[in-house]
């Protein structure tokens, strides 16, 4: 399952920098492109506020 960034995201950019397929977009909160996500979990591991969950 792809990951999902919840609304507790602080838009720090840690997840986007870690994503090996560049499927995370910037914004007020960051957003993961479900179709491009390979479900590696790298983003979830580096999130400082645990805003990323399995969908």
PDB file of N, CA and C in Angstrom:
ATOM      1  N   UNK A   1       0.832  -1.192   0.000  1.00  0.00           N
ATOM      2  CA  UNK A   1       0.000   0.000   0.000  1.00  0.00           C
ATOM      3  C   UNK A   1       0.876   1.254   0.000  1.00  0.00           C
ATOM      4  N   UNK A   2       0.466   2.258  -0.735  1.00  0.00           N
ATOM      5  CA  UNK A   2       1.215   3.515  -0.714  1.00  0.00           C
ATOM      6  C   UNK A   2       1.078   4.206   0.637  1.00  0.00           C
ATOM      7  N   UNK A   3       1.979   5.094   0.903  1.00  0.00           N
ATOM      8  CA  UNK A   3       1.945   5.875   2.146  1.00  0.00           C
ATOM      9  C   UNK A   3       1.075   7.113   1.944  1.00  0.00           C
ATOM     10  N   UNK A   4       0.650   7.703   3.042  1.00  0.00           N
ATOM     11  CA  UNK A   4      -0.178   8.904   3.035  1.00  0.00           C
ATOM     12  C   UNK A   4       0.398   9.869   4.058  1.00  0.00           C
ATOM     13  N   UNK A   5       0.487  11.134   3.701  1.00  0.00           N
ATOM     14  CA  UNK A   5       0.956  12.156   4.641  1.00  0.00           C
ATOM     15  C   UNK A   5      -0.271  12.808   5.252  1.00  0.00           C
ATOM     16  N   UNK A   6      -0.372  12.754   6.562  1.00  0.00           N
ATOM     17  CA  UNK A   6      -1.533  13.298   7.271  1.00  0.00           C
ATOM     18  C   UNK A   6      -1.380  14.797   7.508  1.00  0.00           C
ATOM     19  N   UNK A   7      -2.436  15.407   8.017  1.00  0.00           N
ATOM     20  CA  UNK A   7      -2.439  16.856   8.206  1.00  0.00           C
ATOM     21  C   UNK A   7      -1.580  17.346   9.365  1.00  0.00           C
ATOM     22  N   UNK A   8      -0.895  16.458  10.061  1.00  0.00           N
ATOM     23  CA  UNK A   8       0.037  16.924  11.094  1.00  0.00           C
ATOM     24  C   UNK A   8       1.424  17.218  10.510  1.00  0.00           C
ATOM     25  N   UNK A   9       1.540  17.074   9.185  1.00  0.00           N
ATOM     26  CA  UNK A   9       2.783  17.379   8.472  1.00  0.00           C
ATOM     27  C   UNK A   9       3.201  18.824   8.752  1.00  0.00           C
ATOM     28  N   UNK A  10       4.483  19.017   9.039  1.00  0.00           N
ATOM     29  CA  UNK A  10       5.013  20.362   9.277  1.00  0.00           C
ATOM     30  C   UNK A  10       5.775  20.890   8.060  1.00  0.00           C
ATOM     31  N   UNK A  11       5.698  20.197   6.945  1.00  0.00           N
ATOM     32  CA  UNK A  11       6.325  20.601   5.677  1.00  0.00           C
ATOM     33  C   UNK A  11       7.812  20.887   5.824  1.00  0.00           C
ATOM     34  N   UNK A  12       8.513  20.002   6.526  1.00  0.00           N
ATOM     35  CA  UNK A  12       9.950  20.196   6.747  1.00  0.00           C
ATOM     36  C   UNK A  12      10.789  19.738   5.557  1.00  0.00           C
ATOM     37  N   UNK A  13      10.246  18.847   4.722  1.00  0.00           N
ATOM     38  CA  UNK A  13      10.954  18.384   3.547  1.00  0.00           C
ATOM     39  C   UNK A  13      11.790  17.137   3.737  1.00  0.00           C
ATOM     40  N   UNK A  14      11.860  16.610   4.937  1.00  0.00           N
ATOM     41  CA  UNK A  14      12.663  15.408   5.199  1.00  0.00           C
ATOM     42  C   UNK A  14      12.219  14.238   4.340  1.00  0.00           C
ATOM     43  N   UNK A  15      10.931  14.065   4.193  1.00  0.00           N
ATOM     44  CA  UNK A  15      10.401  12.934   3.423  1.00  0.00           C
ATOM     45  C   UNK A  15      10.752  13.051   1.947  1.00  0.00           C
ATOM     46  N   UNK A  16      10.577  14.238   1.384  1.00  0.00           N
ATOM     47  CA  UNK A  16      10.849  14.444  -0.035  1.00  0.00           C
ATOM     48  C   UNK A  16      12.314  14.197  -0.359  1.00  0.00           C
ATOM     49  N   UNK A  17      13.184  14.608   0.529  1.00  0.00           N
ATOM     50  CA  UNK A  17      14.621  14.416   0.318  1.00  0.00           C
ATOM     51  C   UNK A  17      14.997  12.940   0.347  1.00  0.00           C
ATOM     52  N   UNK A  18      14.239  12.143   1.067  1.00  0.00           N
ATOM     53  CA  UNK A  18      14.549  10.718   1.239  1.00  0.00           C
ATOM     54  C   UNK A  18      13.922   9.820   0.176  1.00  0.00           C
ATOM     55  N   UNK A  19      12.890  10.288  -0.504  1.00  0.00           N
ATOM     56  CA  UNK A  19      12.147   9.464  -1.461  1.00  0.00           C
ATOM     57  C   UNK A  19      13.002   9.094  -2.676  1.00  0.00           C
ATOM     58  N   UNK A  20      13.190   7.787  -2.927  1.00  0.00           N
ATOM     59  CA  UNK A  20      14.030   7.370  -4.050  1.00  0.00           C
ATOM     60  C   UNK A  20      13.368   7.536  -5.421  1.00  0.00           C
ATOM     61  N   UNK A  21      12.058   7.742  -5.460  1.00  0.00           N
ATOM     62  CA  UNK A  21      11.369   7.902  -6.742  1.00  0.00           C
ATOM     63  C   UNK A  21      10.748   9.292  -6.915  1.00  0.00           C
ATOM     64  N   UNK A  22      11.085  10.210  -6.045  1.00  0.00           N
ATOM     65  CA  UNK A  22      10.614  11.604  -6.119  1.00  0.00           C
ATOM     66  C   UNK A  22       9.107  11.721  -6.313  1.00  0.00           C
ATOM     67  N   UNK A  23       8.347  11.011  -5.494  1.00  0.00           N
ATOM     68  CA  UNK A  23       6.890  11.060  -5.643  1.00  0.00           C
ATOM     69  C   UNK A  23       6.216  11.951  -4.597  1.00  0.00           C
ATOM     70  N   UNK A  24       7.003  12.749  -3.875  1.00  0.00           N
ATOM     71  CA  UNK A  24       6.445  13.614  -2.837  1.00  0.00           C
ATOM     72  C   UNK A  24       6.529  15.068  -3.294  1.00  0.00           C
ATOM     73  N   UNK A  25       5.378  15.752  -3.272  1.00  0.00           N
ATOM     74  CA  UNK A  25       5.290  17.139  -3.722  1.00  0.00           C
ATOM     75  C   UNK A  25       5.190  18.087  -2.536  1.00  0.00           C
ATOM     76  N   UNK A  26       5.778  19.279  -2.702  1.00  0.00           N
ATOM     77  CA  UNK A  26       5.711  20.316  -1.672  1.00  0.00           C
ATOM     78  C   UNK A  26       4.345  20.965  -1.636  1.00  0.00           C
ATOM     79  N   UNK A  27       4.047  21.567  -0.499  1.00  0.00           N
ATOM     80  CA  UNK A  27       2.811  22.306  -0.339  1.00  0.00           C
ATOM     81  C   UNK A  27       2.673  22.720   1.113  1.00  0.00           C
ATOM     82  N   UNK A  28       1.496  23.148   1.500  1.00  0.00           N
ATOM     83  CA  UNK A  28       1.243  23.476   2.902  1.00  0.00           C
ATOM     84  C   UNK A  28       1.543  22.249   3.754  1.00  0.00           C
ATOM     85  N   UNK A  29       1.072  21.099   3.269  1.00  0.00           N
ATOM     86  CA  UNK A  29       1.559  19.819   3.753  1.00  0.00           C
ATOM     87  C   UNK A  29       2.048  19.083   2.506  1.00  0.00           C
ATOM     88  N   UNK A  30       2.963  18.189   2.672  1.00  0.00           N
ATOM     89  CA  UNK A  30       3.489  17.457   1.528  1.00  0.00           C
ATOM     90  C   UNK A  30       2.491  16.372   1.117  1.00  0.00           C
ATOM     91  N   UNK A  31       2.555  15.959  -0.148  1.00  0.00           N
ATOM     92  CA  UNK A  31       1.610  14.992  -0.701  1.00  0.00           C
ATOM     93  C   UNK A  31       2.379  13.911  -1.454  1.00  0.00           C
ATOM     94  N   UNK A  32       1.979  12.657  -1.249  1.00  0.00           N
ATOM     95  CA  UNK A  32       2.593  11.527  -1.936  1.00  0.00           C
ATOM     96  C   UNK A  32       1.720  11.130  -3.126  1.00  0.00           C
ATOM     97  N   UNK A  33       2.327  10.992  -4.294  1.00  0.00           N
ATOM     98  CA  UNK A  33       1.634  10.503  -5.488  1.00  0.00           C
ATOM     99  C   UNK A  33       1.477   8.998  -5.342  1.00  0.00           C
ATOM    100  N   UNK A  34       0.253   8.552  -5.102  1.00  0.00           N
ATOM    101  CA  UNK A  34      -0.025   7.126  -4.869  1.00  0.00           C
ATOM    102  C   UNK A  34       0.422   6.241  -6.024  1.00  0.00           C
ATOM    103  N   UNK A  35       0.303   6.738  -7.231  1.00  0.00           N
ATOM    104  CA  UNK A  35       0.639   5.940  -8.409  1.00  0.00           C
ATOM    105  C   UNK A  35       2.146   5.756  -8.580  1.00  0.00           C
ATOM    106  N   UNK A  36       2.931   6.671  -8.048  1.00  0.00           N
ATOM    107  CA  UNK A  36       4.382   6.590  -8.189  1.00  0.00           C
ATOM    108  C   UNK A  36       5.056   5.968  -6.965  1.00  0.00           C
ATOM    109  N   UNK A  37       4.371   5.967  -5.824  1.00  0.00           N
ATOM    110  CA  UNK A  37       4.938   5.444  -4.575  1.00  0.00           C
ATOM    111  C   UNK A  37       5.246   3.951  -4.710  1.00  0.00           C
ATOM    112  N   UNK A  38       6.459   3.559  -4.315  1.00  0.00           N
ATOM    113  CA  UNK A  38       6.848   2.146  -4.371  1.00  0.00           C
ATOM    114  C   UNK A  38       6.745   1.484  -3.000  1.00  0.00           C
ATOM    115  N   UNK A  39       6.207   2.192  -2.018  1.00  0.00           N
ATOM    116  CA  UNK A  39       5.953   1.665  -0.680  1.00  0.00           C
ATOM    117  C   UNK A  39       7.224   1.164  -0.004  1.00  0.00           C
ATOM    118  N   UNK A  40       8.300   1.934  -0.134  1.00  0.00           N
ATOM    119  CA  UNK A  40       9.570   1.529   0.487  1.00  0.00           C
ATOM    120  C   UNK A  40       9.636   1.906   1.967  1.00  0.00           C
ATOM    121  N   UNK A  41       8.853   2.924   2.367  1.00  0.00           N
ATOM    122  CA  UNK A  41       8.828   3.335   3.763  1.00  0.00           C
ATOM    123  C   UNK A  41       9.932   4.289   4.171  1.00  0.00           C
ATOM    124  N   UNK A  42      10.784   4.677   3.245  1.00  0.00           N
ATOM    125  CA  UNK A  42      11.902   5.571   3.575  1.00  0.00           C
ATOM    126  C   UNK A  42      11.408   6.906   4.126  1.00  0.00           C
ATOM    127  N   UNK A  43      10.350   7.426   3.551  1.00  0.00           N
ATOM    128  CA  UNK A  43       9.801   8.706   3.999  1.00  0.00           C
ATOM    129  C   UNK A  43       9.267   8.612   5.431  1.00  0.00           C
ATOM    130  N   UNK A  44       8.592   7.523   5.708  1.00  0.00           N
ATOM    131  CA  UNK A  44       7.986   7.331   7.025  1.00  0.00           C
ATOM    132  C   UNK A  44       9.049   7.256   8.115  1.00  0.00           C
ATOM    133  N   UNK A  45      10.161   6.644   7.805  1.00  0.00           N
ATOM    134  CA  UNK A  45      11.244   6.492   8.778  1.00  0.00           C
ATOM    135  C   UNK A  45      11.873   7.812   9.180  1.00  0.00           C
ATOM    136  N   UNK A  46      11.903   8.804   8.272  1.00  0.00           N
ATOM    137  CA  UNK A  46      12.575  10.068   8.574  1.00  0.00           C
ATOM    138  C   UNK A  46      11.645  11.180   9.039  1.00  0.00           C
ATOM    139  N   UNK A  47      10.350  10.955   9.019  1.00  0.00           N
ATOM    140  CA  UNK A  47       9.406  12.004   9.416  1.00  0.00           C
ATOM    141  C   UNK A  47       9.537  12.293  10.915  1.00  0.00           C
ATOM    142  N   UNK A  48       9.867  13.554  11.268  1.00  0.00           N
ATOM    143  CA  UNK A  48      10.080  13.886  12.678  1.00  0.00           C
ATOM    144  C   UNK A  48       8.806  13.964  13.513  1.00  0.00           C
ATOM    145  N   UNK A  49       7.642  14.048  12.849  1.00  0.00           N
ATOM    146  CA  UNK A  49       6.379  14.163  13.596  1.00  0.00           C
ATOM    147  C   UNK A  49       5.439  12.986  13.348  1.00  0.00           C
ATOM    148  N   UNK A  50       5.950  11.928  12.735  1.00  0.00           N
ATOM    149  CA  UNK A  50       5.150  10.720  12.442  1.00  0.00           C
ATOM    150  C   UNK A  50       3.863  11.047  11.682  1.00  0.00           C
ATOM    151  N   UNK A  51       3.989  11.916  10.677  1.00  0.00           N
ATOM    152  CA  UNK A  51       2.829  12.326   9.886  1.00  0.00           C
ATOM    153  C   UNK A  51       2.530  11.364   8.733  1.00  0.00           C
ATOM    154  N   UNK A  52       3.420  10.397   8.492  1.00  0.00           N
ATOM    155  CA  UNK A  52       3.239   9.506   7.349  1.00  0.00           C
ATOM    156  C   UNK A  52       2.782   8.135   7.835  1.00  0.00           C
ATOM    157  N   UNK A  53       1.702   7.669   7.215  1.00  0.00           N
ATOM    158  CA  UNK A  53       1.108   6.388   7.609  1.00  0.00           C
ATOM    159  C   UNK A  53       0.924   5.522   6.374  1.00  0.00           C
ATOM    160  N   UNK A  54       0.688   4.230   6.581  1.00  0.00           N
ATOM    161  CA  UNK A  54       0.309   3.347   5.485  1.00  0.00           C
ATOM    162  C   UNK A  54      -1.149   3.603   5.178  1.00  0.00           C
ATOM    163  N   UNK A  55      -1.469   3.704   3.899  1.00  0.00           N
ATOM    164  CA  UNK A  55      -2.848   3.990   3.506  1.00  0.00           C
ATOM    165  C   UNK A  55      -3.696   2.749   3.633  1.00  0.00           C
TER     166      UNK A  55
END
